[in-house]
C-alpha atoms as a PDB file:
ATOM      1  CA  UNK A   1     -28.097  -1.088 -25.390  1.00  0.00           C
ATOM      2  CA  UNK A   2     -26.855   0.785 -22.332  1.00  0.00           C
ATOM      3  CA  UNK A   3     -28.653   3.488 -20.426  1.00  0.00           C
ATOM      4  CA  UNK A   4     -27.348   6.260 -22.618  1.00  0.00           C
ATOM      5  CA  UNK A   5     -27.849   4.431 -25.926  1.00  0.00           C
ATOM      6  CA  UNK A   6     -24.303   2.996 -26.113  1.00  0.00           C
ATOM      7  CA  UNK A   7     -23.581  -0.687 -26.552  1.00  0.00           C
ATOM      8  CA  UNK A   8     -23.143  -2.598 -23.295  1.00  0.00           C
ATOM      9  CA  UNK A   9     -20.268  -4.967 -22.717  1.00  0.00           C
ATOM     10  CA  UNK A  10     -20.817  -8.579 -21.645  1.00  0.00           C
ATOM     11  CA  UNK A  11     -20.641  -7.603 -17.977  1.00  0.00           C
ATOM     12  CA  UNK A  12     -23.535  -5.228 -18.408  1.00  0.00           C
ATOM     13  CA  UNK A  13     -21.393  -2.113 -18.119  1.00  0.00           C
ATOM     14  CA  UNK A  14     -21.738   0.593 -20.698  1.00  0.00           C
ATOM     15  CA  UNK A  15     -19.056   3.109 -21.675  1.00  0.00           C
ATOM     16  CA  UNK A  16     -20.327   5.648 -19.144  1.00  0.00           C
ATOM     17  CA  UNK A  17     -19.980   3.129 -16.286  1.00  0.00           C
ATOM     18  CA  UNK A  18     -16.424   2.252 -17.315  1.00  0.00           C
ATOM     19  CA  UNK A  19     -15.460   5.917 -17.598  1.00  0.00           C
ATOM     20  CA  UNK A  20     -16.924   6.667 -14.163  1.00  0.00           C
ATOM     21  CA  UNK A  21     -15.103   3.693 -12.627  1.00  0.00           C
ATOM     22  CA  UNK A  22     -11.769   4.736 -14.153  1.00  0.00           C
ATOM     23  CA  UNK A  23     -12.182   8.341 -13.005  1.00  0.00           C
ATOM     24  CA  UNK A  24     -12.975   7.164  -9.475  1.00  0.00           C
ATOM     25  CA  UNK A  25      -9.964   4.825  -9.481  1.00  0.00           C
ATOM     26  CA  UNK A  26      -7.646   7.643 -10.608  1.00  0.00           C
ATOM     27  CA  UNK A  27      -9.082   9.927  -7.910  1.00  0.00           C
ATOM     28  CA  UNK A  28      -8.479   7.308  -5.203  1.00  0.00           C
ATOM     29  CA  UNK A  29      -4.906   6.660  -6.359  1.00  0.00           C
ATOM     30  CA  UNK A  30      -4.212  10.411  -6.464  1.00  0.00           C
ATOM     31  CA  UNK A  31      -5.648  10.890  -2.960  1.00  0.00           C
ATOM     32  CA  UNK A  32      -3.572   8.032  -1.534  1.00  0.00           C
ATOM     33  CA  UNK A  33      -0.417   9.338  -3.246  1.00  0.00           C
ATOM     34  CA  UNK A  34      -1.075  12.831  -1.874  1.00  0.00           C
ATOM     35  CA  UNK A  35      -1.468  11.540   1.687  1.00  0.00           C
ATOM     36  CA  UNK A  36       1.663   9.388   1.466  1.00  0.00           C
ATOM     37  CA  UNK A  37       3.722  12.273   0.060  1.00  0.00           C
ATOM     38  CA  UNK A  38       2.487  14.666   2.742  1.00  0.00           C
ATOM     39  CA  UNK A  39       3.104  12.122   5.513  1.00  0.00           C
ATOM     40  CA  UNK A  40       6.405  10.323   4.824  1.00  0.00           C
ATOM     41  CA  UNK A  41       6.272   8.511   8.174  1.00  0.00           C
ATOM     42  CA  UNK A  42       3.063   6.805   7.053  1.00  0.00           C
ATOM     43  CA  UNK A  43       4.760   5.739   3.800  1.00  0.00           C
ATOM     44  CA  UNK A  44       7.766   4.412   5.700  1.00  0.00           C
ATOM     45  CA  UNK A  45       5.520   2.465   8.067  1.00  0.00           C
ATOM     46  CA  UNK A  46       3.361   0.896   5.370  1.00  0.00           C
ATOM     47  CA  UNK A  47       6.273   0.166   3.015  1.00  0.00           C
ATOM     48  CA  UNK A  48       8.473  -1.541   5.617  1.00  0.00           C
ATOM     49  CA  UNK A  49      11.208   1.092   5.525  1.00  0.00           C
ATOM     50  CA  UNK A  50      12.947   2.079   8.789  1.00  0.00           C
ATOM     51  CA  UNK A  51      10.990   4.910  10.389  1.00  0.00           C
ATOM     52  CA  UNK A  52      14.022   7.223  10.551  1.00  0.00           C
ATOM     53  CA  UNK A  53      14.474   6.847   6.775  1.00  0.00           C
ATOM     54  CA  UNK A  54      18.009   5.403   6.944  1.00  0.00           C
ATOM     55  CA  UNK A  55      18.801   2.161   5.151  1.00  0.00           C
ATOM     56  CA  UNK A  56      20.308  -0.398   7.514  1.00  0.00           C
ATOM     57  CA  UNK A  57      21.135  -3.099   4.948  1.00  0.00           C
ATOM     58  CA  UNK A  58      21.261  -3.602   1.209  1.00  0.00           C
ATOM     59  CA  UNK A  59      17.921  -5.489   1.214  1.00  0.00           C
ATOM     60  CA  UNK A  60      15.802  -4.663  -1.827  1.00  0.00           C
ATOM     61  CA  UNK A  61      12.074  -5.068  -2.450  1.00  0.00           C
ATOM     62  CA  UNK A  62      12.550  -8.683  -3.551  1.00  0.00           C
ATOM     63  CA  UNK A  63      15.929  -9.820  -2.156  1.00  0.00           C
ATOM     64  CA  UNK A  64      17.079 -10.212   1.459  1.00  0.00           C
ATOM     65  CA  UNK A  65      20.124  -8.352   2.758  1.00  0.00           C
ATOM     66  CA  UNK A  66      23.643  -9.564   2.186  1.00  0.00           C
ATOM     67  CA  UNK A  67      25.489  -6.559   3.700  1.00  0.00           C
ATOM     68  CA  UNK A  68      24.942  -4.199   6.614  1.00  0.00           C
ATOM     69  CA  UNK A  69      25.275  -0.454   5.872  1.00  0.00           C
ATOM     70  CA  UNK A  70      24.702   0.841   9.391  1.00  0.00           C
ATOM     71  CA  UNK A  71      27.298   1.070  12.172  1.00  0.00           C
ATOM     72  CA  UNK A  72      24.913  -0.024  14.936  1.00  0.00           C
ATOM     73  CA  UNK A  73      23.751  -3.632  15.353  1.00  0.00           C
ATOM     74  CA  UNK A  74      20.965  -4.419  12.909  1.00  0.00           C
ATOM     75  CA  UNK A  75      18.024  -6.598  13.923  1.00  0.00           C
ATOM     76  CA  UNK A  76      16.858  -9.487  11.751  1.00  0.00           C
ATOM     77  CA  UNK A  77      13.843  -7.436  10.599  1.00  0.00           C
ATOM     78  CA  UNK A  78      16.061  -5.274   8.376  1.00  0.00           C
ATOM     79  CA  UNK A  79      17.486  -8.328   6.629  1.00  0.00           C
ATOM     80  CA  UNK A  80      14.070  -9.322   5.268  1.00  0.00           C
ATOM     81  CA  UNK A  81      13.093  -8.255   1.751  1.00  0.00           C
ATOM     82  CA  UNK A  82      11.144  -4.997   1.848  1.00  0.00           C
ATOM     83  CA  UNK A  83       8.113  -6.634   0.244  1.00  0.00           C
ATOM     84  CA  UNK A  84       7.937  -9.047   3.184  1.00  0.00           C
ATOM     85  CA  UNK A  85       8.220  -6.181   5.677  1.00  0.00           C
ATOM     86  CA  UNK A  86       5.513  -4.329   3.733  1.00  0.00           C
ATOM     87  CA  UNK A  87       3.161  -7.301   3.873  1.00  0.00           C
ATOM     88  CA  UNK A  88       3.700  -7.760   7.611  1.00  0.00           C
ATOM     89  CA  UNK A  89       3.319  -4.113   8.591  1.00  0.00           C
ATOM     90  CA  UNK A  90       0.439  -3.307   6.262  1.00  0.00           C
ATOM     91  CA  UNK A  91      -1.356  -6.559   7.045  1.00  0.00           C
ATOM     92  CA  UNK A  92      -1.097  -6.087  10.802  1.00  0.00           C
ATOM     93  CA  UNK A  93      -2.154  -2.441  10.494  1.00  0.00           C
ATOM     94  CA  UNK A  94      -5.213  -3.372   8.425  1.00  0.00           C
ATOM     95  CA  UNK A  95      -6.043  -6.225  10.832  1.00  0.00           C
ATOM     96  CA  UNK A  96      -5.871  -3.860  13.816  1.00  0.00           C
ATOM     97  CA  UNK A  97      -8.092  -1.337  12.016  1.00  0.00           C
ATOM     98  CA  UNK A  98     -10.572  -4.069  11.095  1.00  0.00           C
ATOM     99  CA  UNK A  99     -10.617  -5.363  14.688  1.00  0.00           C
ATOM    100  CA  UNK A 100     -11.182  -1.844  15.976  1.00  0.00           C
ATOM    101  CA  UNK A 101     -13.934  -1.288  13.428  1.00  0.00           C
ATOM    102  CA  UNK A 102     -15.614  -4.542  14.414  1.00  0.00           C
ATOM    103  CA  UNK A 103     -15.289  -3.866  18.148  1.00  0.00           C
ATOM    104  CA  UNK A 104     -16.786  -0.397  17.676  1.00  0.00           C
ATOM    105  CA  UNK A 105     -19.969  -1.884  16.253  1.00  0.00           C
ATOM    106  CA  UNK A 106     -20.785  -3.860  19.406  1.00  0.00           C
END
């Protein structure tokens, strides 16, 4: 039996624990969505989109570019699939934050 008299699952969580976890997860997702909507530059940075919001190529989330949609010369970065750009930008941002966090503890 769980703490509140309910049956526990195999992991040792009871229904109250699962409900609390799900509510916390929804709250975190809502908070992140709110911040990204209020700060579109942050969304563009983390998602690999050009910071001015204009599409340079026809690259999609999963496929590299085959055509250029912008009159100015386009760097190779914009030809990468957006998921690749997302992984690079978000990964480097998180690595820099982690390095800063670790250096601050010394």
